[in-house]
C-alpha atoms as a PDB file:
ATOM      1  CA  MET A   1      68.802  86.710  84.948  1.00  0.00           C
ATOM      2  CA  HIS A   2      72.079  88.382  83.962  1.00  0.00           C
ATOM      3  CA  SER A   3      72.572  92.138  83.756  1.00  0.00           C
ATOM      4  CA  ILE A   4      74.217  93.496  80.607  1.00  0.00           C
ATOM      5  CA  GLY A   5      77.441  94.065  82.561  1.00  0.00           C
ATOM      6  CA  GLU A   6      77.522  90.460  83.791  1.00  0.00           C
ATOM      7  CA  MET A   7      76.665  89.211  80.313  1.00  0.00           C
ATOM      8  CA  GLY A   8      79.428  91.264  78.743  1.00  0.00           C
ATOM      9  CA  ARG A   9      82.002  90.064  81.269  1.00  0.00           C
ATOM     10  CA  ASP A  10      81.061  86.379  81.075  1.00  0.00           C
ATOM     11  CA  SER A  11      80.592  86.164  77.303  1.00  0.00           C
ATOM     12  CA  GLY A  12      83.584  88.219  76.170  1.00  0.00           C
ATOM     13  CA  LEU A  13      81.460  90.457  73.955  1.00  0.00           C
ATOM     14  CA  GLY A  14      81.473  93.654  75.995  1.00  0.00           C
ATOM     15  CA  VAL A  15      78.603  95.955  76.879  1.00  0.00           C
ATOM     16  CA  SER A  16      78.757  98.119  73.746  1.00  0.00           C
ATOM     17  CA  ALA A  17      78.746  94.999  71.529  1.00  0.00           C
ATOM     18  CA  LEU A  18      75.713  93.588  73.352  1.00  0.00           C
ATOM     19  CA  ARG A  19      73.873  96.873  72.825  1.00  0.00           C
ATOM     20  CA  PHE A  20      74.657  96.720  69.129  1.00  0.00           C
ATOM     21  CA  TYR A  21      73.512  93.093  68.770  1.00  0.00           C
ATOM     22  CA  ASP A  22      70.310  94.009  70.569  1.00  0.00           C
ATOM     23  CA  ARG A  23      69.633  96.884  68.156  1.00  0.00           C
ATOM     24  CA  ALA A  24      70.516  94.627  65.214  1.00  0.00           C
ATOM     25  CA  GLY A  25      68.063  91.975  66.408  1.00  0.00           C
ATOM     26  CA  VAL A  26      70.792  89.329  66.680  1.00  0.00           C
ATOM     27  CA  LEU A  27      70.769  88.861  70.460  1.00  0.00           C
ATOM     28  CA  PRO A  28      67.946  90.833  72.096  1.00  0.00           C
ATOM     29  CA  PRO A  29      67.692  90.584  75.891  1.00  0.00           C
ATOM     30  CA  ALA A  30      65.007  88.423  77.435  1.00  0.00           C
ATOM     31  CA  ARG A  31      63.594  91.455  79.244  1.00  0.00           C
ATOM     32  CA  VAL A  32      64.001  95.236  79.224  1.00  0.00           C
ATOM     33  CA  ASP A  33      62.889  97.073  82.357  1.00  0.00           C
ATOM     34  CA  PRO A  34      60.239  99.561  81.147  1.00  0.00           C
ATOM     35  CA  ALA A  35      61.106 102.047  83.899  1.00  0.00           C
ATOM     36  CA  THR A  36      64.897 102.074  83.712  1.00  0.00           C
ATOM     37  CA  GLY A  37      65.630 100.628  80.253  1.00  0.00           C
ATOM     38  CA  TYR A  38      68.045  98.120  81.815  1.00  0.00           C
ATOM     39  CA  ARG A  39      68.595  94.972  79.772  1.00  0.00           C
ATOM     40  CA  TRP A  40      68.306  91.533  81.410  1.00  0.00           C
ATOM     41  CA  TYR A  41      69.386  88.265  79.804  1.00  0.00           C
ATOM     42  CA  ALA A  42      68.149  84.750  80.504  1.00  0.00           C
ATOM     43  CA  PRO A  43      70.733  82.183  81.707  1.00  0.00           C
ATOM     44  CA  GLU A  44      70.483  80.166  78.473  1.00  0.00           C
ATOM     45  CA  GLN A  45      71.430  83.245  76.452  1.00  0.00           C
ATOM     46  CA  LEU A  46      74.976  83.124  77.851  1.00  0.00           C
ATOM     47  CA  ASP A  47      75.838  80.164  75.606  1.00  0.00           C
ATOM     48  CA  GLU A  48      74.406  82.032  72.609  1.00  0.00           C
ATOM     49  CA  ALA A  49      76.479  85.102  73.464  1.00  0.00           C
ATOM     50  CA  ARG A  50      79.649  83.030  73.753  1.00  0.00           C
ATOM     51  CA  LEU A  51      78.881  81.370  70.410  1.00  0.00           C
ATOM     52  CA  LEU A  52      78.267  84.803  68.880  1.00  0.00           C
ATOM     53  CA  ALA A  53      81.611  86.048  70.182  1.00  0.00           C
ATOM     54  CA  ARG A  54      83.417  83.116  68.559  1.00  0.00           C
ATOM     55  CA  LEU A  55      81.634  83.553  65.241  1.00  0.00           C
ATOM     56  CA  ARG A  56      82.466  87.264  65.127  1.00  0.00           C
ATOM     57  CA  GLN A  57      86.066  86.429  66.025  1.00  0.00           C
ATOM     58  CA  ALA A  58      86.067  84.168  62.959  1.00  0.00           C
ATOM     59  CA  GLY A  59      84.746  87.031  60.836  1.00  0.00           C
ATOM     60  CA  MET A  60      81.384  85.484  60.002  1.00  0.00           C
ATOM     61  CA  PRO A  61      78.878  87.980  58.519  1.00  0.00           C
ATOM     62  CA  LEU A  62      75.912  88.956  60.676  1.00  0.00           C
ATOM     63  CA  ALA A  63      73.449  87.469  58.168  1.00  0.00           C
ATOM     64  CA  ASP A  64      74.994  84.016  58.636  1.00  0.00           C
ATOM     65  CA  ILE A  65      75.267  84.480  62.396  1.00  0.00           C
ATOM     66  CA  ARG A  66      71.539  85.115  62.576  1.00  0.00           C
ATOM     67  CA  LEU A  67      70.909  81.739  60.889  1.00  0.00           C
ATOM     68  CA  VAL A  68      73.413  79.929  63.108  1.00  0.00           C
ATOM     69  CA  LEU A  69      71.836  81.268  66.300  1.00  0.00           C
ATOM     70  CA  ALA A  70      68.320  80.570  65.044  1.00  0.00           C
ATOM     71  CA  ALA A  71      69.230  76.980  64.180  1.00  0.00           C
ATOM     72  CA  TRP A  72      71.122  76.580  67.455  1.00  0.00           C
ATOM     73  CA  SER A  73      68.274  77.820  69.626  1.00  0.00           C
ATOM     74  CA  GLY A  74      65.686  75.885  67.585  1.00  0.00           C
ATOM     75  CA  GLY A  75      67.482  72.578  67.980  1.00  0.00           C
ATOM     76  CA  ASP A  76      68.077  72.164  64.221  1.00  0.00           C
ATOM     77  CA  THR A  77      71.856  71.862  64.238  1.00  0.00           C
ATOM     78  CA  GLY A  78      72.103  70.317  60.765  1.00  0.00           C
ATOM     79  CA  LEU A  79      72.230  73.767  59.181  1.00  0.00           C
ATOM     80  CA  VAL A  80      75.051  74.986  61.418  1.00  0.00           C
ATOM     81  CA  PRO A  81      77.875  72.788  59.984  1.00  0.00           C
ATOM     82  CA  ARG A  82      76.934  73.802  56.438  1.00  0.00           C
ATOM     83  CA  LEU A  83      77.087  77.488  57.361  1.00  0.00           C
ATOM     84  CA  LEU A  84      80.436  77.015  59.093  1.00  0.00           C
ATOM     85  CA  ASP A  85      81.870  75.094  56.136  1.00  0.00           C
ATOM     86  CA  GLY A  86      80.647  77.745  53.708  1.00  0.00           C
ATOM     87  CA  HIS A  87      82.235  80.517  55.740  1.00  0.00           C
ATOM     88  CA  LEU A  88      85.525  78.601  55.969  1.00  0.00           C
ATOM     89  CA  ARG A  89      85.623  78.131  52.183  1.00  0.00           C
ATOM     90  CA  ARG A  90      84.972  81.855  51.729  1.00  0.00           C
ATOM     91  CA  LEU A  91      87.839  82.696  54.091  1.00  0.00           C
ATOM     92  CA  GLU A  92      90.156  80.330  52.216  1.00  0.00           C
ATOM     93  CA  ARG A  93      89.302  81.994  48.894  1.00  0.00           C
ATOM     94  CA  GLU A  94      89.886  85.441  50.406  1.00  0.00           C
ATOM     95  CA  LEU A  95      93.196  84.262  51.878  1.00  0.00           C
ATOM     96  CA  ALA A  96      94.326  82.960  48.484  1.00  0.00           C
ATOM     97  CA  ASP A  97      93.418  86.286  46.870  1.00  0.00           C
ATOM     98  CA  ALA A  98      95.250  88.188  49.634  1.00  0.00           C
ATOM     99  CA  ARG A  99      98.371  86.015  49.198  1.00  0.00           C
ATOM    100  CA  GLY A 100      98.424  86.816  45.480  1.00  0.00           C
ATOM    101  CA  ALA A 101      98.002  90.542  46.051  1.00  0.00           C
ATOM    102  CA  LEU A 102     100.674  90.654  48.778  1.00  0.00           C
ATOM    103  CA  SER A 103     103.113  88.691  46.614  1.00  0.00           C
ATOM    104  CA  ALA A 104     102.729  91.346  43.925  1.00  0.00           C
ATOM    105  CA  VAL A 105     103.349  94.096  46.491  1.00  0.00           C
ATOM    106  CA  ARG A 106     106.462  92.302  47.802  1.00  0.00           C
ATOM    107  CA  ALA A 107     107.823  92.092  44.272  1.00  0.00           C
ATOM    108  CA  ARG A 108     107.383  95.840  43.813  1.00  0.00           C
ATOM    109  CA  LEU A 109     108.988  96.537  47.204  1.00  0.00           C
ATOM    110  CA  GLY A 110     111.960  94.375  46.307  1.00  0.00           C
ATOM    111  CA  HIS A 111     112.491  96.382  43.124  1.00  0.00           C
ATOM    112  CA  LYS A 112     112.257  99.664  45.048  1.00  0.00           C
ATOM    113  CA  GLU A 113     114.733  98.554  47.733  1.00  0.00           C
ATOM    114  CA  SER A 114     117.274  97.540  45.092  1.00  0.00           C
ATOM    115  CA  THR A 115     117.299 101.108  43.733  1.00  0.00           C
ATOM    116  CA  MET A 116     117.696 102.847  47.128  1.00  0.00           C
ATOM    117  CA  THR A 117     121.039 104.245  48.271  1.00  0.00           C
ATOM    118  CA  THR A 118     122.213 105.096  51.780  1.00  0.00           C
ATOM    119  CA  THR A 119     124.504 107.785  53.102  1.00  0.00           C
ATOM    120  CA  THR A 120     127.251 107.143  55.627  1.00  0.00           C
ATOM    121  CA  ARG A 121     128.521 110.670  56.244  1.00  0.00           C
ATOM    122  CA  THR A 122     128.576 112.054  59.782  1.00  0.00           C
ATOM    123  CA  THR A 123     126.041 114.739  60.705  1.00  0.00           C
ATOM    124  CA  ARG A 124     126.010 116.856  63.868  1.00  0.00           C
ATOM    125  CA  LEU A 125     123.307 119.204  65.087  1.00  0.00           C
ATOM    126  CA  THR A 126     122.419 120.963  68.330  1.00  0.00           C
ATOM    127  CA  VAL A 127     118.948 120.925  69.929  1.00  0.00           C
ATOM    128  CA  PRO A 128     117.798 122.779  73.072  1.00  0.00           C
ATOM    129  CA  ALA A 129     117.419 120.010  75.648  1.00  0.00           C
ATOM    130  CA  GLY A 130     114.128 121.296  77.087  1.00  0.00           C
ATOM    131  CA  GLU A 131     112.562 121.687  73.658  1.00  0.00           C
ATOM    132  CA  PHE A 132     113.773 118.245  72.595  1.00  0.00           C
ATOM    133  CA  ALA A 133     112.426 116.660  75.803  1.00  0.00           C
ATOM    134  CA  ALA A 134     109.009 118.287  75.311  1.00  0.00           C
ATOM    135  CA  ALA A 135     108.830 117.008  71.737  1.00  0.00           C
ATOM    136  CA  LEU A 136     109.684 113.444  72.787  1.00  0.00           C
ATOM    137  CA  ASP A 137     107.103 113.581  75.588  1.00  0.00           C
ATOM    138  CA  CYS A 138     104.438 114.579  73.056  1.00  0.00           C
ATOM    139  CA  VAL A 139     104.912 111.475  70.914  1.00  0.00           C
ATOM    140  CA  ARG A 140     106.180 108.695  73.192  1.00  0.00           C
ATOM    141  CA  PHE A 141     102.674 107.349  73.926  1.00  0.00           C
ATOM    142  CA  ALA A 142     102.068 106.470  70.262  1.00  0.00           C
ATOM    143  CA  VAL A 143     105.068 104.126  69.847  1.00  0.00           C
ATOM    144  CA  GLY A 144     103.972 100.680  68.659  1.00  0.00           C
ATOM    145  CA  THR A 145     104.547  97.429  70.550  1.00  0.00           C
ATOM    146  CA  ASP A 146     103.686  94.879  67.839  1.00  0.00           C
ATOM    147  CA  PRO A 147     106.686  92.516  67.421  1.00  0.00           C
ATOM    148  CA  GLU A 148     105.610  91.895  63.836  1.00  0.00           C
ATOM    149  CA  LEU A 149     106.223  95.590  63.042  1.00  0.00           C
ATOM    150  CA  PRO A 150     109.542  96.433  64.723  1.00  0.00           C
ATOM    151  CA  VAL A 151     109.993  99.698  62.794  1.00  0.00           C
ATOM    152  CA  LEU A 152     106.941 101.099  64.600  1.00  0.00           C
ATOM    153  CA  GLY A 153     108.644 100.322  67.916  1.00  0.00           C
ATOM    154  CA  GLY A 154     110.754 103.440  67.522  1.00  0.00           C
ATOM    155  CA  ILE A 155     110.474 107.189  66.984  1.00  0.00           C
ATOM    156  CA  LEU A 156     111.300 108.771  63.660  1.00  0.00           C
ATOM    157  CA  PHE A 157     113.831 111.618  63.797  1.00  0.00           C
ATOM    158  CA  ASP A 158     113.261 113.705  60.657  1.00  0.00           C
ATOM    159  CA  VAL A 159     115.813 116.511  60.258  1.00  0.00           C
ATOM    160  CA  GLU A 160     115.267 119.064  57.520  1.00  0.00           C
ATOM    161  CA  GLU A 161     116.981 122.467  57.497  1.00  0.00           C
ATOM    162  CA  THR A 162     116.489 123.831  61.063  1.00  0.00           C
ATOM    163  CA  ASP A 163     113.598 121.556  62.052  1.00  0.00           C
ATOM    164  CA  LEU A 164     113.687 118.238  63.879  1.00  0.00           C
ATOM    165  CA  HIS A 165     110.339 116.475  63.669  1.00  0.00           C
ATOM    166  CA  VAL A 166     109.782 113.443  65.901  1.00  0.00           C
ATOM    167  CA  VAL A 167     107.014 111.029  64.921  1.00  0.00           C
ATOM    168  CA  ALA A 168     105.548 107.854  66.419  1.00  0.00           C
ATOM    169  CA  THR A 169     102.672 105.616  65.352  1.00  0.00           C
ATOM    170  CA  ASP A 170     101.219 102.218  66.225  1.00  0.00           C
ATOM    171  CA  ARG A 171      98.837 102.294  63.202  1.00  0.00           C
ATOM    172  CA  TYR A 172      95.836 103.351  65.331  1.00  0.00           C
ATOM    173  CA  ARG A 173      97.242 106.710  66.411  1.00  0.00           C
ATOM    174  CA  MET A 174     100.090 108.963  65.365  1.00  0.00           C
ATOM    175  CA  ALA A 175     101.831 111.809  67.166  1.00  0.00           C
ATOM    176  CA  VAL A 176     104.056 114.502  65.659  1.00  0.00           C
ATOM    177  CA  ALA A 177     106.109 117.215  67.389  1.00  0.00           C
ATOM    178  CA  ARG A 178     108.898 119.617  66.408  1.00  0.00           C
ATOM    179  CA  ALA A 179     112.083 120.962  67.949  1.00  0.00           C
ATOM    180  CA  SER A 180     114.423 123.578  66.507  1.00  0.00           C
ATOM    181  CA  THR A 181     118.049 122.782  65.619  1.00  0.00           C
ATOM    182  CA  THR A 182     121.253 124.555  64.669  1.00  0.00           C
ATOM    183  CA  GLY A 183     124.358 123.342  62.906  1.00  0.00           C
ATOM    184  CA  HIS A 184     122.725 121.347  60.131  1.00  0.00           C
ATOM    185  CA  GLY A 185     122.024 122.840  56.751  1.00  0.00           C
ATOM    186  CA  GLY A 186     122.454 119.813  54.525  1.00  0.00           C
ATOM    187  CA  GLU A 187     120.138 117.267  53.020  1.00  0.00           C
ATOM    188  CA  ARG A 188     117.158 115.819  54.819  1.00  0.00           C
ATOM    189  CA  ILE A 189     118.004 113.042  57.280  1.00  0.00           C
ATOM    190  CA  GLN A 190     115.511 110.437  58.489  1.00  0.00           C
ATOM    191  CA  LEU A 191     116.268 107.693  60.978  1.00  0.00           C
ATOM    192  CA  THR A 192     114.173 105.608  63.351  1.00  0.00           C
ATOM    193  CA  VAL A 193     115.484 105.391  66.906  1.00  0.00           C
ATOM    194  CA  PRO A 194     114.305 102.387  68.980  1.00  0.00           C
ATOM    195  CA  ALA A 195     112.141 103.255  71.983  1.00  0.00           C
ATOM    196  CA  PRO A 196     114.626 102.073  74.671  1.00  0.00           C
ATOM    197  CA  LEU A 197     117.332 104.309  73.186  1.00  0.00           C
ATOM    198  CA  VAL A 198     114.877 107.223  72.993  1.00  0.00           C
ATOM    199  CA  ASP A 199     114.029 106.701  76.674  1.00  0.00           C
ATOM    200  CA  ALA A 200     117.737 106.731  77.563  1.00  0.00           C
ATOM    201  CA  MET A 201     118.150 110.000  75.629  1.00  0.00           C
ATOM    202  CA  ARG A 202     115.145 111.517  77.344  1.00  0.00           C
ATOM    203  CA  ALA A 203     116.610 110.710  80.772  1.00  0.00           C
ATOM    204  CA  LEU A 204     119.582 112.995  80.000  1.00  0.00           C
ATOM    205  CA  LEU A 205     117.436 115.969  78.938  1.00  0.00           C
ATOM    206  CA  THR A 206     116.956 117.451  82.402  1.00  0.00           C
ATOM    207  CA  ASP A 207     117.344 121.181  81.680  1.00  0.00           C
ATOM    208  CA  ASP A 208     117.629 123.521  78.708  1.00  0.00           C
ATOM    209  CA  SER A 209     121.336 123.011  78.070  1.00  0.00           C
ATOM    210  CA  PRO A 210     122.339 122.410  74.437  1.00  0.00           C
ATOM    211  CA  ALA A 211     122.149 118.769  73.389  1.00  0.00           C
ATOM    212  CA  LEU A 212     124.419 117.550  70.595  1.00  0.00           C
ATOM    213  CA  LEU A 213     123.056 114.861  68.266  1.00  0.00           C
ATOM    214  CA  THR A 214     125.581 112.993  66.128  1.00  0.00           C
ATOM    215  CA  VAL A 215     124.475 110.663  63.338  1.00  0.00           C
ATOM    216  CA  ASP A 216     127.108 108.422  61.804  1.00  0.00           C
ATOM    217  CA  GLY A 217     125.754 105.827  59.403  1.00  0.00           C
ATOM    218  CA  ASP A 218     123.390 103.613  61.407  1.00  0.00           C
ATOM    219  CA  GLY A 219     124.632 104.942  64.755  1.00  0.00           C
ATOM    220  CA  ILE A 220     123.324 107.892  66.767  1.00  0.00           C
ATOM    221  CA  GLU A 221     124.690 109.613  69.874  1.00  0.00           C
ATOM    222  CA  LEU A 222     123.272 112.256  72.195  1.00  0.00           C
ATOM    223  CA  GLU A 223     125.585 114.298  74.416  1.00  0.00           C
ATOM    224  CA  THR A 224     124.597 116.949  76.976  1.00  0.00           C
ATOM    225  CA  GLN A 225     126.249 118.260  80.164  1.00  0.00           C
ATOM    226  CA  GLY A 226     129.185 115.883  79.702  1.00  0.00           C
ATOM    227  CA  ARG A 227     126.938 112.808  79.613  1.00  0.00           C
ATOM    228  CA  ARG A 228     126.238 110.752  76.506  1.00  0.00           C
ATOM    229  CA  VAL A 229     124.192 107.845  75.276  1.00  0.00           C
ATOM    230  CA  ALA A 230     124.592 106.059  71.943  1.00  0.00           C
ATOM    231  CA  GLY A 231     123.123 103.166  70.014  1.00  0.00           C
ATOM    232  CA  GLN A 232     122.010 101.813  66.670  1.00  0.00           C
ATOM    233  CA  VAL A 233     119.014 103.021  64.684  1.00  0.00           C
ATOM    234  CA  LEU A 234     116.434 100.650  63.221  1.00  0.00           C
ATOM    235  CA  GLY A 235     117.240  99.464  59.729  1.00  0.00           C
ATOM    236  CA  GLU A 236     113.731  99.599  58.263  1.00  0.00           C
ATOM    237  CA  GLU A 237     112.218 102.685  56.666  1.00  0.00           C
ATOM    238  CA  PHE A 238     109.526 104.526  58.633  1.00  0.00           C
ATOM    239  CA  PRO A 239     106.183 105.229  56.875  1.00  0.00           C
ATOM    240  CA  ASP A 240     105.799 108.589  55.114  1.00  0.00           C
ATOM    241  CA  TYR A 241     104.094 110.457  57.935  1.00  0.00           C
ATOM    242  CA  ARG A 242     103.598 113.590  55.829  1.00  0.00           C
ATOM    243  CA  ARG A 243     101.344 111.675  53.503  1.00  0.00           C
ATOM    244  CA  LEU A 244      99.438 110.156  56.421  1.00  0.00           C
ATOM    245  CA  THR A 245      98.845 113.568  58.031  1.00  0.00           C
ATOM    246  CA  ARG A 246      97.702 115.267  54.823  1.00  0.00           C
ATOM    247  CA  LEU A 247      93.986 115.686  55.607  1.00  0.00           C
ATOM    248  CA  PRO A 248      91.240 118.027  54.369  1.00  0.00           C
ATOM    249  CA  GLU A 249      90.496 120.946  56.645  1.00  0.00           C
ATOM    250  CA  GLY A 250      87.909 120.030  59.247  1.00  0.00           C
ATOM    251  CA  ARG A 251      85.768 121.577  61.930  1.00  0.00           C
ATOM    252  CA  ARG A 252      87.723 122.605  65.036  1.00  0.00           C
ATOM    253  CA  ILE A 253      85.952 122.093  68.367  1.00  0.00           C
ATOM    254  CA  PRO A 254      87.288 123.348  71.734  1.00  0.00           C
ATOM    255  CA  LEU A 255      87.712 120.618  74.337  1.00  0.00           C
ATOM    256  CA  ASP A 256      86.834 120.757  78.017  1.00  0.00           C
ATOM    257  CA  VAL A 257      89.835 118.547  78.764  1.00  0.00           C
ATOM    258  CA  PRO A 258      89.264 117.955  82.540  1.00  0.00           C
ATOM    259  CA  ALA A 259      85.605 116.996  81.972  1.00  0.00           C
ATOM    260  CA  LEU A 260      86.497 114.786  79.023  1.00  0.00           C
ATOM    261  CA  ARG A 261      89.213 113.003  80.988  1.00  0.00           C
ATOM    262  CA  LYS A 262      86.787 112.350  83.838  1.00  0.00           C
ATOM    263  CA  ALA A 263      84.128 110.950  81.481  1.00  0.00           C
ATOM    264  CA  LEU A 264      86.611 108.761  79.594  1.00  0.00           C
ATOM    265  CA  GLY A 265      88.006 107.416  82.854  1.00  0.00           C
ATOM    266  CA  GLY A 266      84.609 105.851  83.562  1.00  0.00           C
ATOM    267  CA  GLN A 267      84.644 103.823  80.330  1.00  0.00           C
ATOM    268  CA  ASP A 268      85.548 100.143  80.729  1.00  0.00           C
ATOM    269  CA  GLY A 269      85.391  98.970  77.112  1.00  0.00           C
ATOM    270  CA  GLU A 270      87.654  99.244  74.082  1.00  0.00           C
ATOM    271  CA  ARG A 271      85.362 101.743  72.387  1.00  0.00           C
ATOM    272  CA  CYS A 272      82.997 104.514  73.315  1.00  0.00           C
ATOM    273  CA  ALA A 273      81.063 107.141  71.391  1.00  0.00           C
ATOM    274  CA  LEU A 274      81.803 110.851  71.374  1.00  0.00           C
ATOM    275  CA  VAL A 275      79.067 113.387  70.686  1.00  0.00           C
ATOM    276  CA  LEU A 276      80.416 116.278  68.624  1.00  0.00           C
ATOM    277  CA  THR A 277      78.404 119.523  68.755  1.00  0.00           C
ATOM    278  CA  ASP A 278      79.930 122.867  69.721  1.00  0.00           C
ATOM    279  CA  THR A 279      81.907 120.823  72.272  1.00  0.00           C
ATOM    280  CA  VAL A 280      82.889 117.168  72.687  1.00  0.00           C
ATOM    281  CA  THR A 281      81.292 114.876  75.270  1.00  0.00           C
ATOM    282  CA  VAL A 282      81.083 111.133  75.888  1.00  0.00           C
ATOM    283  CA  ALA A 283      77.789 109.585  74.832  1.00  0.00           C
ATOM    284  CA  ASP A 284      75.704 107.455  77.134  1.00  0.00           C
ATOM    285  CA  GLU A 285      73.549 104.511  76.020  1.00  0.00           C
ATOM    286  CA  ALA A 286      70.690 106.767  74.928  1.00  0.00           C
ATOM    287  CA  ASP A 287      73.055 108.738  72.701  1.00  0.00           C
ATOM    288  CA  GLU A 288      74.346 105.570  71.051  1.00  0.00           C
ATOM    289  CA  THR A 289      70.848 104.446  70.198  1.00  0.00           C
ATOM    290  CA  GLY A 290      70.195 107.698  68.401  1.00  0.00           C
ATOM    291  CA  ALA A 291      68.728 110.045  70.998  1.00  0.00           C
ATOM    292  CA  SER A 292      71.577 112.553  70.480  1.00  0.00           C
ATOM    293  CA  GLY A 293      71.691 113.665  74.117  1.00  0.00           C
ATOM    294  CA  ILE A 294      75.044 114.965  75.311  1.00  0.00           C
ATOM    295  CA  GLY A 295      77.144 114.839  78.453  1.00  0.00           C
ATOM    296  CA  SER A 296      75.776 112.493  81.060  1.00  0.00           C
ATOM    297  CA  GLY A 297      72.525 112.024  79.193  1.00  0.00           C
ATOM    298  CA  HIS A 298      70.486 114.233  81.517  1.00  0.00           C
ATOM    299  CA  GLY A 299      70.658 117.388  79.402  1.00  0.00           C
ATOM    300  CA  SER A 300      68.398 118.464  76.590  1.00  0.00           C
ATOM    301  CA  ALA A 301      68.491 116.532  73.316  1.00  0.00           C
ATOM    302  CA  VAL A 302      70.933 118.161  70.915  1.00  0.00           C
ATOM    303  CA  ALA A 303      71.770 116.815  67.450  1.00  0.00           C
ATOM    304  CA  GLY A 304      75.442 116.014  66.951  1.00  0.00           C
ATOM    305  CA  ASP A 305      77.892 113.729  65.177  1.00  0.00           C
ATOM    306  CA  LEU A 306      78.637 110.396  66.845  1.00  0.00           C
ATOM    307  CA  VAL A 307      82.208 109.136  66.511  1.00  0.00           C
ATOM    308  CA  GLY A 308      83.625 105.961  68.026  1.00  0.00           C
ATOM    309  CA  VAL A 309      87.032 106.065  69.746  1.00  0.00           C
ATOM    310  CA  ASN A 310      89.189 103.899  71.955  1.00  0.00           C
ATOM    311  CA  PRO A 311      88.880 105.729  75.314  1.00  0.00           C
ATOM    312  CA  ALA A 312      92.343 104.681  76.541  1.00  0.00           C
ATOM    313  CA  PHE A 313      93.970 105.966  73.335  1.00  0.00           C
ATOM    314  CA  LEU A 314      92.164 109.290  73.603  1.00  0.00           C
ATOM    315  CA  LEU A 315      93.210 109.639  77.246  1.00  0.00           C
ATOM    316  CA  ASP A 316      96.840 109.087  76.211  1.00  0.00           C
ATOM    317  CA  ALA A 317      96.595 111.914  73.681  1.00  0.00           C
ATOM    318  CA  LEU A 318      94.969 114.250  76.212  1.00  0.00           C
ATOM    319  CA  ALA A 319      97.579 113.452  78.863  1.00  0.00           C
ATOM    320  CA  VAL A 320     100.426 115.014  76.861  1.00  0.00           C
ATOM    321  CA  GLY A 321      98.504 118.216  76.166  1.00  0.00           C
ATOM    322  CA  ASP A 322      97.107 120.846  78.461  1.00  0.00           C
ATOM    323  CA  ASP A 323      93.623 122.008  79.388  1.00  0.00           C
ATOM    324  CA  ASP A 324      93.389 124.162  76.261  1.00  0.00           C
ATOM    325  CA  MET A 325      93.111 121.770  73.310  1.00  0.00           C
ATOM    326  CA  LEU A 326      91.110 121.438  70.090  1.00  0.00           C
ATOM    327  CA  LEU A 327      89.674 118.492  68.226  1.00  0.00           C
ATOM    328  CA  GLU A 328      89.582 118.779  64.442  1.00  0.00           C
ATOM    329  CA  TYR A 329      86.811 116.670  62.905  1.00  0.00           C
ATOM    330  CA  VAL A 330      87.024 115.898  59.183  1.00  0.00           C
ATOM    331  CA  GLY A 331      84.457 113.097  58.944  1.00  0.00           C
ATOM    332  CA  PRO A 332      83.321 109.801  60.540  1.00  0.00           C
ATOM    333  CA  LYS A 333      85.947 107.693  58.744  1.00  0.00           C
ATOM    334  CA  ALA A 334      88.837 110.175  58.887  1.00  0.00           C
ATOM    335  CA  PRO A 335      91.360 110.417  61.753  1.00  0.00           C
ATOM    336  CA  LEU A 336      90.509 112.783  64.588  1.00  0.00           C
ATOM    337  CA  VAL A 337      93.177 115.453  65.059  1.00  0.00           C
ATOM    338  CA  LEU A 338      94.068 116.695  68.557  1.00  0.00           C
ATOM    339  CA  LEU A 339      96.060 119.911  68.685  1.00  0.00           C
ATOM    340  CA  ARG A 340      96.677 123.055  70.686  1.00  0.00           C
ATOM    341  CA  PRO A 341      95.274 126.407  69.599  1.00  0.00           C
ATOM    342  CA  ASP A 342      98.609 128.218  69.975  1.00  0.00           C
ATOM    343  CA  THR A 343     100.821 125.941  67.860  1.00  0.00           C
ATOM    344  CA  GLU A 344     100.745 123.631  64.858  1.00  0.00           C
ATOM    345  CA  ASP A 345     104.062 122.022  65.832  1.00  0.00           C
ATOM    346  CA  ALA A 346     102.635 119.305  68.092  1.00  0.00           C
ATOM    347  CA  TYR A 347      99.530 117.283  67.305  1.00  0.00           C
ATOM    348  CA  SER A 348      98.237 113.728  67.250  1.00  0.00           C
ATOM    349  CA  LEU A 349      95.886 111.714  65.071  1.00  0.00           C
ATOM    350  CA  LEU A 350      93.506 109.038  66.331  1.00  0.00           C
ATOM    351  CA  MET A 351      91.731 106.555  64.067  1.00  0.00           C
ATOM    352  CA  PRO A 352      87.992 106.267  64.844  1.00  0.00           C
ATOM    353  CA  CYS A 353      86.335 102.972  65.814  1.00  0.00           C
ATOM    354  CA  THR A 354      83.176 101.657  64.203  1.00  0.00           C
ATOM    355  CA  LEU A 355      80.309 101.832  66.661  1.00  0.00           C
ATOM    356  CA  ASP A 356      78.484  98.893  65.021  1.00  0.00           C
ATOM    357  CA  ALA A 357      81.371  96.413  65.183  1.00  0.00           C
END
């Protein structure tokens, strides 16, 4: 017999996925220990779990997966090719529809780009080095690494009046911070600085001496204490972060950051569930199946909202804060907002995960 941990490791599904497929009746364990609730799987179920992982990777609906597994385990494999062929035809139709829709979007983007103008005038502004360094530290973790989206591999510098906002996102999380500036009173300037150049700038910001930023066309230079670093900005336009951060007001919950970090550090999957009551804790298996217990699962049952998150992403957001942070909860499908109670200038957003994926 295989434990759920062994089954998750050997099949590629993961423990949380196996729990979901058990609750959904797709892949129930061969035995559940009545005393401990531990799930145990028969050796022959490993092949079914691996097949299930492949089918979900291909995007097959659960209703069809049920039939495939039933036919597979029953020895009637004639139904399986027909289900696979039907799913492939459905994917091909969806791909054709997506190609048409994306072609229309590309046409509209091409028209918009042809009407855009750029400015080449030189702009100089001064930023306190310590304040600038703190702002960069608050957002660096959210820089994207997808080679297909190079513009997300940098940090947006958004200068407007006396404010310099720095923004980073990898689509799944976004971080925003602000530093004050002097010497610029002109039009708004937005440019995306590649991450390696940002890191080189950050290495020079060692104290609170004034740092001079110079923007000249598609070039940017930072000078402080007689040292300078310069490079080219990214040519693509960064997403409108103000639109992405415009959320309804939610419920703000104080975080016990040390306890939350400790609990998240024990998570080995790509998603876990948070229980949101008057505080935020990591759910155990009983919580995920609807018992609504909090903390380690040994406390009293308390009703609360369950929200799925990537534990590593949440740890990144907590690492750049302090022990006094808040979580703003708008709803199960809306981004979670992590912020500090004493300032609105630095915050991050984290997209929730579906717990039944």
